[in-house]
N, C-alpha and C. Protein backbone atom coordinates (compact mmCIF):
# COMPACT_ATOMS: atom_id res chain seq x y z
N UNK A 1 312.47 28.82 130.41
CA UNK A 1 312.88 28.16 129.19
C UNK A 1 313.94 28.99 128.49
N UNK A 2 314.94 28.34 127.98
CA UNK A 2 316.01 29.03 127.26
C UNK A 2 315.85 28.80 125.77
N UNK A 3 315.50 29.86 125.08
CA UNK A 3 315.34 29.81 123.63
C UNK A 3 316.51 30.53 122.98
N UNK A 4 316.81 30.15 121.76
CA UNK A 4 317.79 30.85 120.93
C UNK A 4 317.00 31.74 119.98
N UNK A 5 317.38 33.02 119.90
CA UNK A 5 316.66 33.96 119.04
C UNK A 5 317.34 34.05 117.68
N UNK A 6 316.53 34.03 116.63
CA UNK A 6 316.99 34.25 115.26
C UNK A 6 316.37 35.56 114.80
N UNK A 7 317.21 36.51 114.39
CA UNK A 7 316.72 37.81 113.95
C UNK A 7 316.06 37.71 112.58
N UNK A 8 315.11 38.60 112.36
CA UNK A 8 314.41 38.68 111.09
C UNK A 8 313.23 39.62 111.23
N UNK A 9 312.33 39.53 110.25
CA UNK A 9 311.13 40.37 110.24
C UNK A 9 310.21 39.91 111.36
N UNK A 10 309.68 40.88 112.10
CA UNK A 10 308.78 40.58 113.21
C UNK A 10 307.40 40.24 112.67
N UNK A 11 306.99 38.99 112.87
CA UNK A 11 305.66 38.54 112.47
C UNK A 11 304.89 38.08 113.71
N UNK A 12 305.21 38.69 114.84
CA UNK A 12 304.62 38.26 116.10
C UNK A 12 305.56 37.28 116.79
N UNK A 13 305.17 36.82 117.92
CA UNK A 13 305.97 35.90 118.70
C UNK A 13 305.88 34.50 118.09
N UNK A 14 306.98 34.00 117.51
CA UNK A 14 307.04 32.66 116.92
C UNK A 14 308.03 31.85 117.74
N UNK A 15 307.54 30.74 118.31
CA UNK A 15 308.40 29.85 119.08
C UNK A 15 308.39 28.47 118.44
N UNK A 16 309.56 27.96 118.15
CA UNK A 16 309.72 26.65 117.52
C UNK A 16 310.31 25.68 118.54
N UNK A 17 309.59 24.60 118.78
CA UNK A 17 310.07 23.52 119.62
C UNK A 17 310.52 22.42 118.66
N UNK A 18 311.80 22.03 118.74
CA UNK A 18 312.36 21.13 117.75
C UNK A 18 313.30 20.12 118.39
N UNK A 19 313.65 19.11 117.59
CA UNK A 19 314.68 18.15 117.97
C UNK A 19 315.86 18.36 117.03
N UNK A 20 317.06 18.32 117.56
CA UNK A 20 318.25 18.61 116.75
C UNK A 20 318.49 17.56 115.67
N UNK A 21 317.96 16.37 115.84
CA UNK A 21 318.19 15.27 114.88
C UNK A 21 317.04 15.08 113.90
N UNK A 22 316.01 15.89 113.99
CA UNK A 22 314.79 15.74 113.20
C UNK A 22 314.91 16.47 111.85
N UNK A 23 314.76 15.72 110.77
CA UNK A 23 314.83 16.32 109.42
C UNK A 23 313.73 17.36 109.23
N UNK A 24 312.52 17.07 109.72
CA UNK A 24 311.40 18.00 109.54
C UNK A 24 311.60 19.27 110.36
N UNK A 25 312.23 19.15 111.50
CA UNK A 25 312.56 20.33 112.31
C UNK A 25 313.57 21.21 111.58
N UNK A 26 314.57 20.57 110.97
CA UNK A 26 315.58 21.32 110.20
C UNK A 26 314.93 22.03 109.02
N UNK A 27 313.98 21.37 108.35
CA UNK A 27 313.29 21.98 107.22
C UNK A 27 312.45 23.17 107.69
N UNK A 28 311.83 23.03 108.85
CA UNK A 28 311.02 24.12 109.39
C UNK A 28 311.90 25.33 109.72
N UNK A 29 313.04 25.09 110.37
CA UNK A 29 313.97 26.19 110.67
C UNK A 29 314.43 26.86 109.38
N UNK A 30 314.77 26.07 108.38
CA UNK A 30 315.24 26.62 107.10
C UNK A 30 314.15 27.45 106.44
N UNK A 31 312.90 26.99 106.51
CA UNK A 31 311.80 27.75 105.91
C UNK A 31 311.59 29.07 106.63
N UNK A 32 311.61 29.06 107.94
CA UNK A 32 311.44 30.31 108.69
C UNK A 32 312.56 31.30 108.32
N UNK A 33 313.77 30.79 108.17
CA UNK A 33 314.89 31.65 107.80
C UNK A 33 314.76 32.13 106.36
N UNK A 34 314.30 31.25 105.45
CA UNK A 34 314.07 31.65 104.06
C UNK A 34 313.04 32.78 103.98
N UNK A 35 312.03 32.70 104.83
CA UNK A 35 310.99 33.73 104.87
C UNK A 35 311.47 35.00 105.58
N UNK A 36 312.64 34.92 106.18
CA UNK A 36 313.23 36.08 106.84
C UNK A 36 312.53 36.48 108.13
N UNK A 37 311.96 35.50 108.82
CA UNK A 37 311.19 35.79 110.03
C UNK A 37 312.04 35.67 111.28
N UNK A 38 311.75 36.53 112.22
CA UNK A 38 312.34 36.42 113.56
C UNK A 38 311.60 35.33 114.31
N UNK A 39 312.34 34.50 115.01
CA UNK A 39 311.71 33.45 115.81
C UNK A 39 312.67 33.00 116.90
N UNK A 40 312.11 32.31 117.86
CA UNK A 40 312.89 31.72 118.95
C UNK A 40 312.72 30.21 118.86
N UNK A 41 313.80 29.48 119.12
CA UNK A 41 313.68 28.02 119.08
C UNK A 41 314.44 27.39 120.23
N UNK A 42 314.04 26.16 120.51
CA UNK A 42 314.73 25.36 121.51
C UNK A 42 314.81 23.93 120.98
N UNK A 43 315.99 23.33 121.11
CA UNK A 43 316.16 21.91 120.80
C UNK A 43 315.84 21.14 122.09
N UNK A 44 314.70 20.53 122.12
CA UNK A 44 314.21 19.86 123.31
C UNK A 44 315.15 18.72 123.73
N UNK A 45 315.76 18.04 122.74
CA UNK A 45 316.64 16.92 123.07
C UNK A 45 317.97 17.37 123.68
N UNK A 46 318.24 18.66 123.70
CA UNK A 46 319.45 19.17 124.34
C UNK A 46 319.20 19.55 125.80
N UNK A 47 317.96 19.48 126.23
CA UNK A 47 317.61 19.84 127.60
C UNK A 47 317.63 18.62 128.50
N UNK A 48 317.74 18.88 129.80
CA UNK A 48 317.72 17.80 130.78
C UNK A 48 316.89 18.22 131.98
N UNK A 49 316.48 17.24 132.73
CA UNK A 49 315.83 17.47 134.02
C UNK A 49 314.61 18.36 133.97
N UNK A 50 314.57 19.31 134.93
CA UNK A 50 313.43 20.21 135.07
C UNK A 50 313.21 21.07 133.83
N UNK A 51 314.29 21.50 133.19
CA UNK A 51 314.16 22.33 131.99
C UNK A 51 313.44 21.56 130.89
N UNK A 52 313.80 20.31 130.70
CA UNK A 52 313.16 19.48 129.68
C UNK A 52 311.70 19.22 130.04
N UNK A 53 311.43 18.93 131.30
CA UNK A 53 310.06 18.68 131.75
C UNK A 53 309.19 19.91 131.53
N UNK A 54 309.72 21.08 131.82
CA UNK A 54 308.98 22.33 131.64
C UNK A 54 308.66 22.56 130.16
N UNK A 55 309.63 22.33 129.30
CA UNK A 55 309.42 22.53 127.87
C UNK A 55 308.41 21.51 127.34
N UNK A 56 308.52 20.26 127.75
CA UNK A 56 307.58 19.24 127.29
C UNK A 56 306.15 19.54 127.76
N UNK A 57 306.02 20.11 128.94
CA UNK A 57 304.70 20.52 129.43
C UNK A 57 304.13 21.61 128.53
N UNK A 58 304.97 22.56 128.12
CA UNK A 58 304.55 23.63 127.21
C UNK A 58 304.13 23.06 125.86
N UNK A 59 304.93 22.15 125.31
CA UNK A 59 304.60 21.52 124.03
C UNK A 59 303.27 20.77 124.16
N UNK A 60 303.11 19.99 125.20
CA UNK A 60 301.89 19.19 125.41
C UNK A 60 300.65 20.08 125.51
N UNK A 61 300.80 21.26 126.08
CA UNK A 61 299.67 22.18 126.22
C UNK A 61 299.15 22.61 124.84
N UNK A 62 300.04 22.76 123.88
CA UNK A 62 299.65 23.20 122.54
C UNK A 62 299.49 22.05 121.56
N UNK A 63 300.21 20.96 121.79
CA UNK A 63 300.23 19.83 120.88
C UNK A 63 300.23 18.55 121.73
N UNK A 64 299.04 18.08 122.11
CA UNK A 64 298.95 16.92 123.02
C UNK A 64 299.71 15.69 122.55
N UNK A 65 299.93 15.54 121.24
CA UNK A 65 300.67 14.38 120.76
C UNK A 65 302.18 14.54 120.95
N UNK A 66 302.61 15.75 121.32
CA UNK A 66 304.02 16.05 121.56
C UNK A 66 304.91 15.68 120.37
N UNK A 67 304.43 15.98 119.17
CA UNK A 67 305.22 15.71 117.97
C UNK A 67 306.07 16.94 117.64
N UNK A 68 307.09 16.70 116.84
CA UNK A 68 308.02 17.77 116.48
C UNK A 68 308.14 17.83 114.97
N UNK A 69 308.31 19.04 114.43
CA UNK A 69 308.38 20.32 115.12
C UNK A 69 307.00 20.79 115.57
N UNK A 70 306.99 21.64 116.57
CA UNK A 70 305.79 22.33 117.02
C UNK A 70 306.10 23.82 117.01
N UNK A 71 305.28 24.58 116.28
CA UNK A 71 305.42 26.03 116.24
C UNK A 71 304.25 26.62 117.01
N UNK A 72 304.54 27.47 117.97
CA UNK A 72 303.52 28.17 118.73
C UNK A 72 303.60 29.64 118.34
N UNK A 73 302.46 30.16 117.94
CA UNK A 73 302.39 31.54 117.44
C UNK A 73 301.70 32.44 118.44
N UNK A 74 302.19 33.67 118.53
CA UNK A 74 301.58 34.66 119.41
C UNK A 74 301.57 34.21 120.85
N UNK A 75 300.43 34.38 121.49
CA UNK A 75 300.28 34.01 122.89
C UNK A 75 299.85 32.56 123.04
N UNK A 76 300.07 31.77 122.02
CA UNK A 76 299.73 30.35 122.10
C UNK A 76 298.35 30.04 121.57
N UNK A 77 297.72 31.00 120.94
CA UNK A 77 296.39 30.77 120.39
C UNK A 77 296.42 29.92 119.13
N UNK A 78 297.56 29.85 118.49
CA UNK A 78 297.68 29.08 117.24
C UNK A 78 298.92 28.21 117.30
N UNK A 79 298.79 27.01 116.79
CA UNK A 79 299.89 26.06 116.81
C UNK A 79 299.95 25.34 115.47
N UNK A 80 301.15 25.18 114.93
CA UNK A 80 301.36 24.40 113.72
C UNK A 80 302.15 23.17 114.13
N UNK A 81 301.58 22.00 113.83
CA UNK A 81 302.20 20.73 114.22
C UNK A 81 302.82 20.08 113.00
N UNK A 82 304.10 19.77 113.09
CA UNK A 82 304.78 19.14 111.97
C UNK A 82 305.25 20.16 110.95
N UNK A 83 305.90 19.67 109.90
CA UNK A 83 306.37 20.54 108.83
C UNK A 83 305.20 20.75 107.87
N UNK A 84 304.58 21.91 107.98
CA UNK A 84 303.42 22.27 107.17
C UNK A 84 303.79 23.49 106.34
N UNK A 85 304.57 23.27 105.27
CA UNK A 85 305.12 24.38 104.50
C UNK A 85 304.05 25.35 104.02
N UNK A 86 302.98 24.85 103.41
CA UNK A 86 301.94 25.74 102.90
C UNK A 86 301.31 26.56 104.01
N UNK A 87 301.05 25.93 105.13
CA UNK A 87 300.42 26.62 106.25
C UNK A 87 301.35 27.70 106.81
N UNK A 88 302.63 27.38 106.91
CA UNK A 88 303.60 28.37 107.42
C UNK A 88 303.70 29.55 106.46
N UNK A 89 303.82 29.26 105.17
CA UNK A 89 303.91 30.34 104.17
C UNK A 89 302.65 31.18 104.18
N UNK A 90 301.49 30.56 104.21
CA UNK A 90 300.22 31.26 104.20
C UNK A 90 300.07 32.12 105.45
N UNK A 91 300.39 31.54 106.57
CA UNK A 91 300.27 32.24 107.84
C UNK A 91 301.17 33.48 107.88
N UNK A 92 302.33 33.35 107.28
CA UNK A 92 303.30 34.44 107.30
C UNK A 92 303.15 35.38 106.10
N UNK A 93 302.12 35.14 105.28
CA UNK A 93 301.85 36.04 104.16
C UNK A 93 302.78 35.86 102.98
N UNK A 94 303.35 34.68 102.84
CA UNK A 94 304.26 34.39 101.73
C UNK A 94 303.71 33.20 100.95
N UNK A 95 303.24 33.42 99.71
CA UNK A 95 302.69 32.31 98.92
C UNK A 95 303.75 31.31 98.52
């Protein structure tokens, strides 16, 4: 999988699966950046073929409904589905 890395404060491995045209995905990216967190993201709609299938399999493993945005934290033990501002802030220690 090819992710784009955004530098910031290390709060563990944060991976964002998003769609480039999704308003909620854009809000999630903006919130992560506002919080100053390092994260990796991929725009699933920019992928094709095997790469897209592989990413969708990863999303489905954590979020069976395959909704976007999907944030996978750490080794995949925790997943945030959709734009959940309070949950993201709380999880990252920012009220």
